């Protein structure tokens, strides 16, 4: 393992940690707004946006929902250090670092790519460091062992006690946290769509929806592995498959953080047309673009209402 950036010790706990955690997200349930877009309207489809990006400026969307159970455990029972994994542009690393700063927890990010240790930090990793996260750069071979208990024992030897948060934050506790998103959307739409990296949000969302609603996850990575991961996570969280859900593998645009000219044009147009901030290309833009293609293909019957989760 390569050398790490310096971190910081945990700050003082808030007088009431549970109340402090709840106060971080005053915009819950997050807003649900309808937008009129001809790419959907001409096929008789209503489009709604679930604005999870407005939950908190640093802990947006599914990152907040998935981290909350682990944050409660750290504040209540300890240890007060979180260790997690991500790539150089990981939103999950940024959210974990921000949560640590806001709640007085120390954070460690294990970053894929040993070569990055000798390069200037990109904006994403620099933000993590500014929020107090200690970064440990590892080789890609080591990173593939992130679920290997023998390897994570070595991390305990290096850093001492910590709560381990998996890549993307997706574990059984996170899935149960994400189920609240589904409960907020009960009865609000026929179909609910969300971008998927590790599958935890889709697993929880589908479980929280009401009977008759279905969830669609838009994979942002290649490989076709996501459906199996969602099933595994639902078994871990609930003991078996829950809800009605499917995974769309056609709209990753070449893989994680990859884009295409069509995606770029769609994202710019959608933001300008509806007065939204620039759409995140890694997750949100791919979901909305994919939905527009599906609507044009007749995947949704006239009269269908579709809610897209804007994760930020």
Protein backbone atom coordinates (compact mmCIF):
# COMPACT_ATOMS: atom_id res chain seq x y z
CA UNK A 1 0.00 0.00 0.00
CA UNK A 2 1.24 3.49 -0.76
CA UNK A 3 1.49 6.37 1.67
CA UNK A 4 -1.65 8.21 2.69
CA UNK A 5 -2.60 11.83 2.98
CA UNK A 6 -2.84 13.12 6.56
CA UNK A 7 -6.23 12.96 8.23
CA UNK A 8 -7.61 14.26 11.48
CA UNK A 9 -8.86 12.90 14.76
CA UNK A 10 -12.60 12.90 15.48
CA UNK A 11 -13.98 16.22 16.63
CA UNK A 12 -16.18 16.66 19.69
CA UNK A 13 -19.48 14.82 19.54
CA UNK A 14 -22.58 17.03 19.26
CA UNK A 15 -24.45 17.29 22.60
CA UNK A 16 -27.30 15.26 21.09
CA UNK A 17 -25.82 13.18 18.23
CA UNK A 18 -29.16 11.75 17.08
CA UNK A 19 -30.73 15.21 16.88
CA UNK A 20 -27.66 16.56 15.11
CA UNK A 21 -27.94 13.84 12.49
CA UNK A 22 -31.64 14.45 11.93
CA UNK A 23 -31.04 18.19 11.65
CA UNK A 24 -28.65 17.69 8.72
CA UNK A 25 -31.51 16.84 6.36
CA UNK A 26 -34.39 19.26 6.95
CA UNK A 27 -35.75 18.73 3.41
CA UNK A 28 -37.26 15.32 3.98
CA UNK A 29 -39.34 14.10 2.33
CA UNK A 30 -37.53 15.59 -0.64
CA UNK A 31 -39.63 17.59 -3.14
CA UNK A 32 -41.50 15.84 -5.94
CA UNK A 33 -42.23 18.07 -8.93
CA UNK A 34 -43.78 17.47 -12.33
CA UNK A 35 -42.07 18.72 -15.48
CA UNK A 36 -43.71 18.89 -18.88
CA UNK A 37 -41.33 17.57 -21.51
CA UNK A 38 -42.51 16.85 -25.04
CA UNK A 39 -40.26 13.79 -25.33
CA UNK A 40 -42.51 12.17 -22.74
CA UNK A 41 -45.78 14.08 -23.17
CA UNK A 42 -46.21 13.12 -26.82
CA UNK A 43 -46.31 9.47 -25.72
CA UNK A 44 -48.82 10.17 -22.97
CA UNK A 45 -46.22 9.84 -20.19
CA UNK A 46 -46.09 12.14 -17.16
CA UNK A 47 -42.59 12.87 -15.85
CA UNK A 48 -41.92 13.77 -12.22
CA UNK A 49 -38.59 14.55 -10.58
CA UNK A 50 -37.85 13.36 -7.04
CA UNK A 51 -35.37 16.04 -5.95
CA UNK A 52 -33.13 14.13 -3.58
CA UNK A 53 -30.34 16.46 -4.71
CA UNK A 54 -31.93 19.08 -2.44
CA UNK A 55 -31.71 17.06 0.79
CA UNK A 56 -28.35 18.57 1.81
CA UNK A 57 -25.69 20.44 -0.18
CA UNK A 58 -22.92 18.00 0.83
CA UNK A 59 -24.90 14.82 1.56
CA UNK A 60 -27.13 14.61 -1.46
CA UNK A 61 -29.62 12.02 -2.53
CA UNK A 62 -29.00 8.34 -2.17
CA UNK A 63 -25.68 9.00 -0.40
CA UNK A 64 -27.54 10.51 2.55
CA UNK A 65 -30.14 7.75 2.64
CA UNK A 66 -27.55 4.98 2.50
CA UNK A 67 -25.13 6.50 5.02
CA UNK A 68 -27.64 7.39 7.75
CA UNK A 69 -27.84 3.93 9.40
CA UNK A 70 -24.03 3.68 9.63
CA UNK A 71 -23.72 7.24 10.91
CA UNK A 72 -26.25 6.48 13.65
CA UNK A 73 -24.24 3.43 14.69
CA UNK A 74 -20.97 5.39 14.77
CA UNK A 75 -22.49 8.19 16.85
CA UNK A 76 -24.29 5.87 19.23
CA UNK A 77 -21.90 2.94 19.68
CA UNK A 78 -18.64 3.79 17.93
CA UNK A 79 -16.00 3.41 16.72
CA UNK A 80 -16.01 7.01 15.60
CA UNK A 81 -13.97 6.32 12.48
CA UNK A 82 -15.44 5.32 9.10
CA UNK A 83 -13.35 3.58 6.43
CA UNK A 84 -14.68 3.18 2.92
CA UNK A 85 -13.64 2.69 -0.71
CA UNK A 86 -13.94 4.53 -4.01
CA UNK A 87 -12.36 5.71 -7.23
CA UNK A 88 -10.80 9.06 -7.93
CA UNK A 89 -14.16 10.72 -8.67
CA UNK A 90 -16.30 8.89 -6.12
CA UNK A 91 -19.36 10.80 -4.90
CA UNK A 92 -19.54 8.29 -2.07
CA UNK A 93 -16.09 9.25 -0.79
CA UNK A 94 -17.05 12.93 -0.88
CA UNK A 95 -20.29 12.31 0.99
CA UNK A 96 -18.57 10.21 3.65
CA UNK A 97 -15.90 12.86 4.17
CA UNK A 98 -18.55 15.58 4.45
CA UNK A 99 -20.53 13.53 6.97
CA UNK A 100 -17.40 13.12 9.06
CA UNK A 101 -16.77 16.87 9.08
CA UNK A 102 -20.36 17.69 9.99
CA UNK A 103 -20.67 15.11 12.77
CA UNK A 104 -17.21 15.02 14.30
CA UNK A 105 -16.25 11.61 12.90
CA UNK A 106 -12.90 10.73 11.38
CA UNK A 107 -12.91 9.22 7.88
CA UNK A 108 -10.52 7.14 5.78
CA UNK A 109 -10.90 6.66 2.03
CA UNK A 110 -9.17 3.75 0.29
CA UNK A 111 -8.73 4.97 -3.28
CA UNK A 112 -8.28 2.77 -6.36
CA UNK A 113 -5.05 3.60 -8.21
CA UNK A 114 -1.66 3.69 -6.46
CA UNK A 115 -0.30 5.98 -9.20
CA UNK A 116 -2.61 8.77 -8.01
CA UNK A 117 -0.55 9.20 -4.85
CA UNK A 118 2.13 11.10 -6.77
CA UNK A 119 -0.24 13.33 -8.74
CA UNK A 120 -2.03 16.53 -7.76
CA UNK A 121 -5.41 15.75 -6.25
CA UNK A 122 -8.42 16.26 -8.49
CA UNK A 123 -11.27 18.46 -7.24
CA UNK A 124 -13.17 15.50 -5.82
CA UNK A 125 -10.30 14.09 -3.77
CA UNK A 126 -9.18 17.58 -2.73
CA UNK A 127 -12.65 18.13 -1.30
CA UNK A 128 -12.35 14.89 0.66
CA UNK A 129 -9.04 16.00 2.15
CA UNK A 130 -10.43 19.46 2.96
CA UNK A 131 -13.21 17.71 4.89
CA UNK A 132 -10.64 15.80 6.92
CA UNK A 133 -10.58 12.45 5.12
CA UNK A 134 -7.34 10.50 5.15
CA UNK A 135 -6.72 8.97 1.73
CA UNK A 136 -4.92 5.65 1.22
CA UNK A 137 -4.02 4.95 -2.42
CA UNK A 138 -3.79 1.26 -3.32
CA UNK A 139 -3.07 -0.76 -6.42
CA UNK A 140 -5.96 -2.03 -8.50
CA UNK A 141 -5.10 -5.59 -7.47
CA UNK A 142 -5.34 -4.63 -3.80
CA UNK A 143 -8.56 -2.72 -4.41
CA UNK A 144 -10.19 -5.84 -5.83
CA UNK A 145 -9.65 -7.43 -2.41
CA UNK A 146 -11.83 -4.85 -0.64
CA UNK A 147 -14.32 -7.58 0.36
CA UNK A 148 -11.60 -9.97 1.53
CA UNK A 149 -11.59 -10.15 5.37
CA UNK A 150 -7.88 -11.01 5.44
CA UNK A 151 -7.05 -7.83 3.53
CA UNK A 152 -9.37 -5.63 5.59
CA UNK A 153 -7.71 -7.04 8.73
CA UNK A 154 -4.50 -5.43 7.43
CA UNK A 155 -6.35 -2.13 7.25
CA UNK A 156 -7.31 -2.53 10.90
CA UNK A 157 -3.63 -3.09 11.70
CA UNK A 158 -2.82 0.18 9.92
CA UNK A 159 -5.65 2.37 11.16
CA UNK A 160 -7.03 0.78 14.32
CA UNK A 161 -10.76 0.34 14.99
CA UNK A 162 -13.18 1.58 12.32
CA UNK A 163 -16.63 0.95 10.92
CA UNK A 164 -16.22 -0.45 7.43
CA UNK A 165 -18.55 1.03 4.81
CA UNK A 166 -18.51 -0.88 1.49
CA UNK A 167 -17.88 0.73 -1.89
CA UNK A 168 -20.81 2.94 -2.77
CA UNK A 169 -22.14 2.55 0.76
CA UNK A 170 -24.27 -0.46 -0.25
CA UNK A 171 -24.82 -2.97 2.55
CA UNK A 172 -27.87 -4.36 4.31
CA UNK A 173 -28.21 -1.33 6.58
CA UNK A 174 -27.92 1.05 3.62
CA UNK A 175 -30.61 -0.86 1.71
CA UNK A 176 -32.98 -0.54 4.65
CA UNK A 177 -32.17 3.18 4.76
CA UNK A 178 -32.91 3.57 1.05
CA UNK A 179 -36.30 1.90 1.52
CA UNK A 180 -37.51 5.23 2.94
CA UNK A 181 -37.16 6.69 -0.56
CA UNK A 182 -39.66 4.13 -1.82
CA UNK A 183 -42.03 4.83 1.05
CA UNK A 184 -41.96 8.55 0.22
CA UNK A 185 -43.02 7.70 -3.34
CA UNK A 186 -45.87 5.31 -2.53
CA UNK A 187 -48.81 6.14 -4.75
CA UNK A 188 -46.98 9.04 -6.42
CA UNK A 189 -46.02 7.33 -9.71
CA UNK A 190 -46.48 4.08 -11.58
CA UNK A 191 -42.76 3.70 -12.33
CA UNK A 192 -39.80 5.02 -10.35
CA UNK A 193 -36.37 5.24 -12.00
CA UNK A 194 -32.95 5.60 -10.39
CA UNK A 195 -29.35 5.38 -11.52
CA UNK A 196 -27.38 2.42 -10.16
CA UNK A 197 -23.71 1.97 -9.40
CA UNK A 198 -23.62 -0.72 -6.73
CA UNK A 199 -27.37 -1.46 -6.56
CA UNK A 200 -28.11 -0.52 -2.96
CA UNK A 201 -30.49 2.32 -3.72
CA UNK A 202 -32.54 0.27 -6.18
CA UNK A 203 -32.70 -2.62 -3.70
CA UNK A 204 -34.12 -0.37 -0.99
CA UNK A 205 -36.29 1.76 -3.26
CA UNK A 206 -38.09 -1.25 -4.72
CA UNK A 207 -38.71 -2.67 -1.27
CA UNK A 208 -40.27 0.58 -0.07
CA UNK A 209 -42.70 1.07 -2.97
CA UNK A 210 -46.34 0.02 -2.76
CA UNK A 211 -47.80 -2.99 -4.53
CA UNK A 212 -48.48 -2.14 -8.18
CA UNK A 213 -45.54 0.26 -8.48
CA UNK A 214 -42.29 -0.83 -10.11
CA UNK A 215 -38.73 0.40 -10.02
CA UNK A 216 -36.25 0.59 -12.89
CA UNK A 217 -32.53 0.86 -12.23
CA UNK A 218 -30.26 2.36 -14.88
CA UNK A 219 -26.82 0.75 -14.68
CA UNK A 220 -23.96 3.23 -15.04
CA UNK A 221 -21.30 0.51 -15.30
CA UNK A 222 -20.80 -2.15 -17.93
CA UNK A 223 -20.86 -5.85 -17.15
CA UNK A 224 -24.47 -6.88 -16.64
CA UNK A 225 -23.80 -7.85 -13.01
CA UNK A 226 -26.18 -5.43 -11.32
CA UNK A 227 -29.33 -7.54 -11.14
CA UNK A 228 -27.44 -10.20 -9.21
CA UNK A 229 -26.09 -7.59 -6.81
CA UNK A 230 -29.55 -6.12 -6.16
CA UNK A 231 -30.90 -9.59 -5.35
CA UNK A 232 -27.95 -10.27 -3.03
CA UNK A 233 -28.48 -6.98 -1.20
CA UNK A 234 -32.20 -7.58 -0.81
CA UNK A 235 -31.52 -11.03 0.64
CA UNK A 236 -29.07 -9.50 3.12
CA UNK A 237 -31.46 -6.72 4.12
CA UNK A 238 -34.86 -8.44 3.99
CA UNK A 239 -34.23 -12.17 3.64
CA UNK A 240 -35.35 -12.34 0.00
CA UNK A 241 -36.42 -10.44 -3.09
CA UNK A 242 -38.74 -7.49 -2.45
CA UNK A 243 -40.86 -5.38 -4.76
CA UNK A 244 -41.08 -5.23 -8.53
CA UNK A 245 -37.89 -4.08 -10.22
CA UNK A 246 -35.76 -4.44 -13.32
CA UNK A 247 -32.33 -3.25 -14.44
CA UNK A 248 -31.67 -1.41 -17.71
CA UNK A 249 -28.15 -2.11 -19.01
CA UNK A 250 -28.32 -0.18 -22.29
CA UNK A 251 -27.60 3.36 -21.12
CA UNK A 252 -24.20 3.32 -19.41
CA UNK A 253 -22.78 5.12 -22.48
CA UNK A 254 -19.60 3.07 -22.45
CA UNK A 255 -19.08 2.69 -18.72
CA UNK A 256 -18.65 4.62 -15.49
CA UNK A 257 -18.14 8.35 -16.03
CA UNK A 258 -18.21 7.81 -19.81
CA UNK A 259 -20.40 9.97 -22.00
CA UNK A 260 -21.53 10.33 -25.61
CA UNK A 261 -22.49 13.22 -27.86
CA UNK A 262 -26.17 12.24 -27.56
CA UNK A 263 -26.00 12.20 -23.77
CA UNK A 264 -24.23 15.57 -23.68
CA UNK A 265 -26.81 17.17 -25.96
CA UNK A 266 -29.71 15.71 -24.00
CA UNK A 267 -28.29 16.81 -20.63
CA UNK A 268 -27.67 20.39 -21.75
CA UNK A 269 -31.12 20.66 -23.32
CA UNK A 270 -32.96 19.12 -20.36
CA UNK A 271 -31.28 21.43 -17.84
CA UNK A 272 -31.92 24.54 -19.93
CA UNK A 273 -35.50 23.58 -20.76
CA UNK A 274 -36.51 22.98 -17.15
CA UNK A 275 -34.31 25.48 -15.31
CA UNK A 276 -32.28 22.81 -13.52
CA UNK A 277 -28.62 22.79 -12.45
CA UNK A 278 -26.28 21.09 -14.90
CA UNK A 279 -27.21 17.40 -14.87
CA UNK A 280 -24.68 15.01 -13.38
CA UNK A 281 -23.42 12.95 -16.34
CA UNK A 282 -22.35 9.93 -14.29
CA UNK A 283 -25.79 9.10 -12.91
CA UNK A 284 -28.74 11.45 -13.37
CA UNK A 285 -28.34 12.35 -17.03
CA UNK A 286 -28.10 8.68 -18.01
CA UNK A 287 -31.33 7.91 -16.15
CA UNK A 288 -33.32 10.71 -17.76
CA UNK A 289 -31.85 10.03 -21.19
CA UNK A 290 -32.66 6.34 -20.85
CA UNK A 291 -36.22 7.13 -19.81
CA UNK A 292 -36.69 9.37 -22.85
CA UNK A 293 -35.52 6.58 -25.14
CA UNK A 294 -37.80 4.05 -23.45
CA UNK A 295 -40.75 6.44 -23.75
CA UNK A 296 -40.04 6.79 -27.48
CA UNK A 297 -39.91 3.00 -27.82
CA UNK A 298 -43.35 2.65 -26.24
CA UNK A 299 -42.11 1.00 -23.06
CA UNK A 300 -44.66 2.97 -21.02
CA UNK A 301 -48.37 2.80 -21.77
CA UNK A 302 -50.16 6.12 -22.34
CA UNK A 303 -51.21 7.53 -19.00
CA UNK A 304 -48.18 6.15 -17.17
CA UNK A 305 -46.55 8.42 -14.58
CA UNK A 306 -42.78 8.07 -14.19
CA UNK A 307 -40.76 9.53 -11.32
CA UNK A 308 -37.01 9.93 -11.83
CA UNK A 309 -34.85 10.22 -8.72
CA UNK A 310 -32.42 13.14 -9.05
CA UNK A 311 -29.62 11.90 -6.84
CA UNK A 312 -27.31 14.86 -7.43
